[in-house]
Amino acid sequence: MFVLWEQWNILKLMKVSFLAVVGLAIVCGYGCATAPKPGAASATPDPFKMNQRLGRGVNLGNALDAPKEGDWGVVLTNEYFAIW
């Protein structure tokens, strides 16, 4: 099939334009899908509020990582596991 130079440039321009439009549609569609809804909760919660919700806790890793329980000053006791 013989294609003139002008036709080749038009076909190339159409191909590039089509790919640009499809790429733009994908990017815009993804942006609209991930955009926060009006009145919705923030994507990043307030760390101070989350800390209040967690409440009191004990870092058991300090006791469990020691070579022997109590080597690092923390010994696990039943009161750490009490359910309020």
N, C-alpha and C. Protein backbone atom coordinates (compact mmCIF):
# COMPACT_ATOMS: atom_id res chain seq x y z
N MET A 1 0.84 -1.17 0.00
CA MET A 1 0.00 0.00 0.00
C MET A 1 0.89 1.24 0.00
N PHE A 2 0.58 2.14 -0.87
CA PHE A 2 1.39 3.35 -1.02
C PHE A 2 0.72 4.49 -0.27
N VAL A 3 1.49 5.15 0.61
CA VAL A 3 0.96 6.26 1.40
C VAL A 3 1.79 7.50 1.08
N LEU A 4 1.12 8.58 0.76
CA LEU A 4 1.82 9.83 0.51
C LEU A 4 2.39 10.39 1.81
N TRP A 5 3.43 11.23 1.67
CA TRP A 5 4.08 11.81 2.83
C TRP A 5 3.11 12.62 3.69
N GLU A 6 2.23 13.38 3.06
CA GLU A 6 1.26 14.19 3.79
C GLU A 6 0.29 13.29 4.57
N GLN A 7 -0.13 12.20 3.95
CA GLN A 7 -1.03 11.26 4.63
C GLN A 7 -0.31 10.60 5.80
N TRP A 8 0.97 10.29 5.63
CA TRP A 8 1.74 9.67 6.70
C TRP A 8 1.81 10.59 7.91
N ASN A 9 2.05 11.87 7.69
CA ASN A 9 2.12 12.83 8.79
C ASN A 9 0.77 12.97 9.49
N ILE A 10 -0.31 12.94 8.72
CA ILE A 10 -1.64 13.04 9.31
C ILE A 10 -1.94 11.81 10.16
N LEU A 11 -1.60 10.62 9.64
CA LEU A 11 -1.81 9.40 10.41
C LEU A 11 -0.99 9.40 11.70
N LYS A 12 0.25 9.88 11.59
CA LYS A 12 1.10 9.94 12.76
C LYS A 12 0.53 10.92 13.79
N LEU A 13 0.05 12.06 13.32
CA LEU A 13 -0.55 13.06 14.21
C LEU A 13 -1.81 12.51 14.87
N MET A 14 -2.63 11.77 14.12
CA MET A 14 -3.84 11.18 14.67
C MET A 14 -3.49 10.15 15.75
N LYS A 15 -2.47 9.36 15.49
CA LYS A 15 -2.06 8.34 16.45
C LYS A 15 -1.56 8.98 17.75
N VAL A 16 -0.71 9.98 17.63
CA VAL A 16 -0.19 10.66 18.81
C VAL A 16 -1.32 11.37 19.56
N SER A 17 -2.23 12.00 18.85
CA SER A 17 -3.35 12.69 19.48
C SER A 17 -4.24 11.70 20.22
N PHE A 18 -4.52 10.57 19.61
CA PHE A 18 -5.34 9.55 20.24
C PHE A 18 -4.70 9.06 21.54
N LEU A 19 -3.39 8.77 21.50
CA LEU A 19 -2.70 8.30 22.69
C LEU A 19 -2.69 9.37 23.79
N ALA A 20 -2.54 10.63 23.39
CA ALA A 20 -2.56 11.72 24.37
C ALA A 20 -3.93 11.84 25.03
N VAL A 21 -4.99 11.72 24.25
CA VAL A 21 -6.35 11.82 24.79
C VAL A 21 -6.64 10.65 25.72
N VAL A 22 -6.25 9.46 25.34
CA VAL A 22 -6.46 8.28 26.18
C VAL A 22 -5.66 8.41 27.48
N GLY A 23 -4.42 8.85 27.38
CA GLY A 23 -3.60 9.05 28.57
C GLY A 23 -4.19 10.09 29.50
N LEU A 24 -4.67 11.18 28.93
CA LEU A 24 -5.29 12.24 29.73
C LEU A 24 -6.57 11.74 30.40
N ALA A 25 -7.34 10.94 29.69
CA ALA A 25 -8.58 10.39 30.27
C ALA A 25 -8.27 9.46 31.44
N ILE A 26 -7.22 8.68 31.31
CA ILE A 26 -6.84 7.78 32.40
C ILE A 26 -6.38 8.57 33.62
N VAL A 27 -5.53 9.57 33.40
CA VAL A 27 -5.04 10.38 34.51
C VAL A 27 -6.17 11.14 35.18
N CYS A 28 -7.04 11.75 34.39
CA CYS A 28 -8.16 12.51 34.97
C CYS A 28 -9.15 11.58 35.67
N GLY A 29 -9.40 10.44 35.10
CA GLY A 29 -10.31 9.49 35.73
C GLY A 29 -9.77 8.98 37.05
N TYR A 30 -8.47 8.74 37.11
CA TYR A 30 -7.86 8.29 38.36
C TYR A 30 -7.91 9.41 39.40
N GLY A 31 -7.66 10.64 38.98
CA GLY A 31 -7.70 11.77 39.90
C GLY A 31 -9.09 12.00 40.45
N CYS A 32 -10.10 11.85 39.62
CA CYS A 32 -11.47 12.04 40.09
C CYS A 32 -11.89 10.91 41.03
N ALA A 33 -11.41 9.72 40.77
CA ALA A 33 -11.79 8.58 41.60
C ALA A 33 -11.14 8.65 42.98
N THR A 34 -9.94 9.23 43.07
CA THR A 34 -9.24 9.28 44.34
C THR A 34 -9.42 10.60 45.07
N ALA A 35 -10.10 11.55 44.48
CA ALA A 35 -10.30 12.84 45.14
C ALA A 35 -11.23 12.67 46.33
N PRO A 36 -10.92 13.33 47.44
CA PRO A 36 -11.79 13.20 48.61
C PRO A 36 -13.16 13.81 48.35
N LYS A 37 -14.17 13.16 48.85
CA LYS A 37 -15.54 13.63 48.69
C LYS A 37 -15.79 14.80 49.63
N PRO A 38 -16.63 15.75 49.24
CA PRO A 38 -16.92 16.87 50.13
C PRO A 38 -17.56 16.38 51.43
N GLY A 39 -17.04 16.87 52.53
CA GLY A 39 -17.56 16.48 53.84
C GLY A 39 -17.03 15.15 54.33
N ALA A 40 -16.18 14.49 53.55
CA ALA A 40 -15.64 13.20 53.98
C ALA A 40 -14.50 13.42 54.97
N ALA A 41 -14.17 12.37 55.71
CA ALA A 41 -13.09 12.44 56.69
C ALA A 41 -11.77 12.69 55.97
N SER A 42 -10.87 13.33 56.66
CA SER A 42 -9.56 13.62 56.11
C SER A 42 -8.80 12.33 55.85
N ALA A 43 -7.98 12.33 54.79
CA ALA A 43 -7.21 11.14 54.45
C ALA A 43 -6.14 10.86 55.50
N THR A 44 -5.61 11.91 56.13
CA THR A 44 -4.61 11.73 57.17
C THR A 44 -5.23 12.13 58.51
N PRO A 45 -5.47 11.16 59.37
CA PRO A 45 -6.12 11.45 60.65
C PRO A 45 -5.21 12.27 61.56
N ASP A 46 -5.81 13.00 62.46
CA ASP A 46 -5.07 13.79 63.43
C ASP A 46 -4.38 12.85 64.42
N PRO A 47 -3.05 12.90 64.53
CA PRO A 47 -2.36 11.96 65.41
C PRO A 47 -2.73 12.12 66.88
N PHE A 48 -3.07 13.31 67.31
CA PHE A 48 -3.44 13.51 68.71
C PHE A 48 -4.78 12.86 69.03
N LYS A 49 -5.72 12.92 68.10
CA LYS A 49 -7.01 12.26 68.30
C LYS A 49 -6.84 10.74 68.29
N MET A 50 -5.99 10.25 67.39
CA MET A 50 -5.75 8.81 67.34
C MET A 50 -5.09 8.33 68.63
N ASN A 51 -4.19 9.13 69.19
CA ASN A 51 -3.53 8.77 70.44
C ASN A 51 -4.54 8.70 71.57
N GLN A 52 -5.50 9.62 71.60
CA GLN A 52 -6.54 9.58 72.63
C GLN A 52 -7.40 8.33 72.49
N ARG A 53 -7.67 7.93 71.26
CA ARG A 53 -8.48 6.73 71.03
C ARG A 53 -7.75 5.46 71.46
N LEU A 54 -6.41 5.44 71.31
CA LEU A 54 -5.64 4.26 71.69
C LEU A 54 -5.65 4.05 73.20
N GLY A 55 -5.53 5.13 73.94
CA GLY A 55 -5.51 5.00 75.39
C GLY A 55 -4.15 4.57 75.91
N ARG A 56 -4.15 4.01 77.10
CA ARG A 56 -2.93 3.61 77.78
C ARG A 56 -2.41 2.30 77.20
N GLY A 57 -1.10 2.16 77.16
CA GLY A 57 -0.52 0.93 76.63
C GLY A 57 0.85 0.66 77.21
N VAL A 58 1.34 -0.53 76.98
CA VAL A 58 2.66 -0.94 77.45
C VAL A 58 3.41 -1.50 76.25
N ASN A 59 4.66 -1.08 76.10
CA ASN A 59 5.49 -1.58 75.02
C ASN A 59 6.08 -2.93 75.45
N LEU A 60 5.48 -4.01 75.00
CA LEU A 60 5.94 -5.35 75.38
C LEU A 60 7.23 -5.73 74.68
N GLY A 61 7.55 -5.04 73.61
CA GLY A 61 8.78 -5.35 72.88
C GLY A 61 10.02 -5.18 73.74
N ASN A 62 9.99 -4.22 74.68
CA ASN A 62 11.15 -4.01 75.54
C ASN A 62 11.39 -5.23 76.44
N ALA A 63 10.34 -5.92 76.81
CA ALA A 63 10.50 -7.11 77.65
C ALA A 63 10.81 -8.34 76.81
N LEU A 64 10.21 -8.42 75.65
CA LEU A 64 10.33 -9.64 74.85
C LEU A 64 11.62 -9.70 74.04
N ASP A 65 12.29 -8.55 73.84
CA ASP A 65 13.52 -8.54 73.06
C ASP A 65 14.76 -8.81 73.89
N ALA A 66 14.66 -8.73 75.20
CA ALA A 66 15.82 -8.95 76.07
C ALA A 66 16.25 -10.41 75.99
N PRO A 67 17.55 -10.67 76.17
CA PRO A 67 18.01 -12.07 76.14
C PRO A 67 17.30 -12.94 77.18
N LYS A 68 17.10 -12.39 78.38
CA LYS A 68 16.32 -13.06 79.42
C LYS A 68 15.32 -12.06 79.95
N GLU A 69 14.12 -12.52 80.25
CA GLU A 69 13.09 -11.62 80.74
C GLU A 69 13.59 -10.89 81.99
N GLY A 70 13.49 -9.56 81.96
CA GLY A 70 13.93 -8.74 83.08
C GLY A 70 15.31 -8.14 82.90
N ASP A 71 16.08 -8.59 81.91
CA ASP A 71 17.44 -8.06 81.70
C ASP A 71 17.42 -6.56 81.43
N TRP A 72 16.38 -6.07 80.78
CA TRP A 72 16.34 -4.65 80.43
C TRP A 72 15.39 -3.88 81.34
N GLY A 73 15.05 -4.44 82.48
CA GLY A 73 14.27 -3.71 83.46
C GLY A 73 12.77 -3.86 83.34
N VAL A 74 12.29 -4.59 82.37
CA VAL A 74 10.85 -4.78 82.21
C VAL A 74 10.54 -6.26 82.39
N VAL A 75 9.65 -6.55 83.31
CA VAL A 75 9.20 -7.92 83.54
C VAL A 75 7.70 -7.94 83.31
N LEU A 76 7.24 -8.87 82.51
CA LEU A 76 5.82 -8.96 82.21
C LEU A 76 5.06 -9.45 83.44
N THR A 77 3.99 -8.76 83.77
CA THR A 77 3.15 -9.16 84.89
C THR A 77 1.70 -9.27 84.42
N ASN A 78 0.88 -9.92 85.21
CA ASN A 78 -0.53 -10.11 84.85
C ASN A 78 -1.28 -8.79 84.73
N GLU A 79 -0.88 -7.77 85.47
CA GLU A 79 -1.61 -6.49 85.42
C GLU A 79 -1.50 -5.82 84.04
N TYR A 80 -0.44 -6.15 83.27
CA TYR A 80 -0.33 -5.60 81.91
C TYR A 80 -1.42 -6.13 80.99
N PHE A 81 -1.99 -7.29 81.34
CA PHE A 81 -2.97 -7.93 80.47
C PHE A 81 -4.38 -7.87 81.02
N ALA A 82 -4.60 -7.04 82.03
CA ALA A 82 -5.94 -6.91 82.62
C ALA A 82 -6.88 -6.24 81.61
N ILE A 83 -8.09 -6.74 81.57
CA ILE A 83 -9.11 -6.15 80.68
C ILE A 83 -10.00 -5.27 81.53
N TRP A 84 -10.07 -4.00 81.13
CA TRP A 84 -10.87 -3.04 81.90
C TRP A 84 -12.30 -3.09 81.48
